[in-house]
Protein backbone atom coordinates (compact mmCIF):
# COMPACT_ATOMS: atom_id res chain seq x y z
CA MET A 1 129.22 33.35 68.60
CA ASP A 2 128.21 31.55 71.74
CA ASP A 3 128.50 27.75 71.47
CA ASP A 4 125.19 27.26 73.30
CA PHE A 5 123.45 29.42 70.73
CA LEU A 6 124.97 27.40 67.87
CA ASP A 7 123.86 24.18 69.54
CA ASP A 8 120.36 25.60 69.77
CA ILE A 9 120.02 26.37 66.07
CA ILE A 10 122.03 23.65 64.30
CA LEU A 11 119.03 21.37 63.61
CA LEU A 12 116.94 24.27 62.35
CA THR A 13 119.76 25.32 60.05
CA ILE A 14 120.05 21.81 58.63
CA VAL A 15 116.30 21.63 57.95
CA THR A 16 116.40 25.07 56.32
CA LEU A 17 119.27 24.05 54.05
CA LEU A 18 117.49 20.82 53.11
CA SER A 19 114.37 22.79 52.25
CA ALA A 20 116.44 25.11 50.05
CA LEU A 21 117.92 22.08 48.30
CA GLN A 22 114.42 20.72 47.77
CA ASN A 23 113.37 24.05 46.21
CA VAL A 24 116.30 23.77 43.80
CA PHE A 25 115.16 20.26 42.90
CA PHE A 26 111.61 21.48 42.22
CA ALA A 27 112.87 24.37 40.10
CA HIS A 28 115.07 21.94 38.15
CA LYS A 29 112.01 19.81 37.41
CA VAL A 30 110.21 22.90 36.06
CA GLU A 31 113.25 23.78 33.94
CA LEU A 32 113.46 20.26 32.49
CA GLU A 33 109.77 20.30 31.63
CA CYS A 34 110.14 23.79 30.14
CA LYS A 35 112.90 22.56 27.82
CA THR A 36 110.53 20.01 26.33
CA GLN A 37 108.21 22.81 25.22
CA THR A 38 108.33 23.93 21.60
CA SER A 39 108.39 27.59 22.60
CA ARG A 40 111.75 29.30 23.18
CA SER A 41 110.48 31.46 26.01
CA PHE A 42 109.36 30.46 29.47
CA LEU A 43 105.59 30.73 29.29
CA ARG A 44 103.06 29.84 31.95
CA THR A 45 100.94 27.90 29.49
CA GLY A 46 102.06 24.77 27.76
CA SER A 47 101.45 21.06 27.83
CA PRO A 48 99.40 19.61 30.68
CA SER A 49 102.51 18.00 32.17
CA PHE A 50 104.33 21.34 32.20
CA GLU A 51 101.36 23.06 33.82
CA ARG A 52 101.22 20.41 36.55
CA VAL A 53 104.94 20.75 37.30
CA TYR A 54 104.72 24.53 37.24
CA CYS A 55 101.66 24.63 39.52
CA ALA A 56 103.15 22.13 41.96
CA ASN A 57 106.33 24.21 42.20
CA GLN A 58 104.38 27.44 42.58
CA ASN A 59 102.19 25.97 45.32
CA CYS A 60 105.26 24.77 47.23
CA MET A 61 106.92 28.17 46.85
CA ASP A 62 103.79 29.96 48.10
CA ALA A 63 103.87 28.02 51.38
CA TYR A 64 107.66 28.25 51.82
CA PRO A 65 107.89 31.62 53.65
CA THR A 66 105.24 30.52 56.14
CA PHE A 67 107.07 27.25 56.73
CA ILE A 68 110.41 28.97 57.36
CA ALA A 69 108.85 31.54 59.71
CA VAL A 70 107.01 29.02 61.88
CA LEU A 71 109.93 26.55 61.82
CA TRP A 72 112.39 29.10 63.19
CA SER A 73 110.03 30.73 65.66
CA ALA A 74 108.94 27.33 67.02
CA GLY A 75 112.55 26.19 67.29
CA VAL A 76 113.88 29.35 68.89
CA PHE A 77 111.00 30.15 71.25
CA CYS A 78 109.75 26.67 72.11
CA SER A 79 111.91 23.61 71.43
CA GLN A 80 114.39 22.92 68.67
CA ALA A 81 114.17 19.11 68.37
CA PRO A 82 110.39 18.80 67.85
CA ALA A 83 110.43 21.78 65.48
CA ALA A 84 113.24 20.24 63.42
CA PHE A 85 111.45 16.87 63.44
CA ALA A 86 108.24 18.51 62.22
CA GLY A 87 110.26 20.39 59.61
CA LEU A 88 111.78 17.18 58.25
CA ILE A 89 108.35 15.56 58.10
CA TYR A 90 107.07 18.65 56.28
CA LEU A 91 109.83 18.30 53.67
CA PHE A 92 108.86 14.67 53.12
CA VAL A 93 105.19 15.61 52.85
CA ARG A 94 105.99 18.44 50.43
CA GLN A 95 107.92 15.97 48.25
CA LYS A 96 104.92 13.63 48.36
CA TYR A 97 102.63 16.53 47.42
CA PHE A 98 104.87 17.54 44.50
CA ILE A 99 105.12 14.01 43.12
CA GLY A 100 101.38 13.48 43.66
CA TYR A 101 100.60 16.69 41.79
CA LEU A 102 102.61 15.45 38.81
CA GLY A 103 100.28 12.49 38.54
CA GLU A 104 96.68 13.39 39.13
CA THR A 105 95.61 16.30 41.30
CA PRO A 106 93.64 14.11 43.80
CA GLN A 107 96.90 12.23 44.53
CA SER A 108 98.34 15.44 45.98
CA THR A 109 95.47 16.04 48.43
CA PRO A 110 96.81 13.85 51.29
CA GLY A 111 100.17 15.63 51.11
CA TYR A 112 98.46 19.01 51.15
CA ILE A 113 96.28 18.18 54.18
CA PHE A 114 99.19 16.61 56.08
CA GLY A 115 101.35 19.67 55.31
CA LYS A 116 98.65 21.95 56.71
CA ARG A 117 98.63 19.91 59.91
CA ILE A 118 102.38 20.23 60.32
CA ILE A 119 102.33 23.99 59.66
CA SER A 120 99.57 24.30 62.28
CA PHE A 121 101.64 22.32 64.80
CA LEU A 122 104.65 24.57 64.22
CA PHE A 123 102.44 27.65 64.51
CA PHE A 124 101.04 26.52 67.86
CA MET A 125 104.54 25.71 69.07
CA SER A 126 105.54 29.25 68.14
CA VAL A 127 102.60 30.81 69.95
CA ILE A 128 103.15 28.72 73.08
CA GLY A 129 106.87 29.52 73.08
CA ILE A 130 106.24 33.25 72.71
CA LEU A 131 103.59 33.20 75.44
CA ASN A 132 106.03 31.37 77.70
CA ASN A 133 108.62 34.09 77.13
CA VAL A 134 105.99 36.74 77.94
CA PHE A 135 105.16 34.88 81.16
CA ILE A 136 108.85 34.78 82.08
CA ASP A 137 109.21 38.53 81.54
CA TYR A 138 105.98 39.73 83.17
CA VAL A 139 104.83 37.03 85.60
CA GLY A 140 108.10 35.33 86.47
CA SER A 141 106.82 31.81 85.75
CA ASP A 142 108.70 29.55 83.40
CA PHE A 143 106.76 26.68 81.82
CA ARG A 144 109.48 25.83 79.28
CA ALA A 145 110.14 22.31 80.65
CA TYR A 146 106.43 21.43 80.52
CA VAL A 147 106.02 22.92 77.06
CA GLN A 148 109.06 21.05 75.73
CA THR A 149 107.78 17.77 77.15
CA LEU A 150 104.36 18.30 75.58
CA THR A 151 105.75 19.30 72.19
CA LYS A 152 108.04 16.26 72.12
CA ALA A 153 105.06 14.03 72.85
CA PHE A 154 102.81 15.72 70.30
CA SER A 155 105.50 15.71 67.60
CA ALA A 156 105.33 11.91 67.59
CA LEU A 157 101.61 12.19 66.84
CA LEU A 158 102.49 13.93 63.56
CA LEU A 159 103.40 10.52 62.14
CA ILE A 160 99.79 9.37 62.36
CA PRO A 161 98.16 9.90 58.94
């Protein structure tokens, strides 16, 4: 493979692997809670603590394909560093959401809303990057430097709660 291509995707690969590790951690939490159940089979219903762990894991897994798709498309078509930064923040927020969901459901709301904001940022990065590639192919104008500067600036704004 081309070394430039590997340099372009290394941060995205690291974030993807960290997100997979986080999914394993969440699944382990569900398994531990399942073992405390009196039933021998894995049932959806159980104690309130099991249901909270199960629902938190399921909610995180439901959003995972969307996260991976927008992370990679934003990183490949727009700019890798801001996409990877947003991805790392999303993993932190998803951890906060999961832990908040284990307590009381309202504690998970800030993590959910912040996660939506990060997914939206990655989605817009993807759209802008794809439009830039269309402009390169059909118009001949390349706005990549401007787009990368803007996304780097806006990625810092993701830290504001």
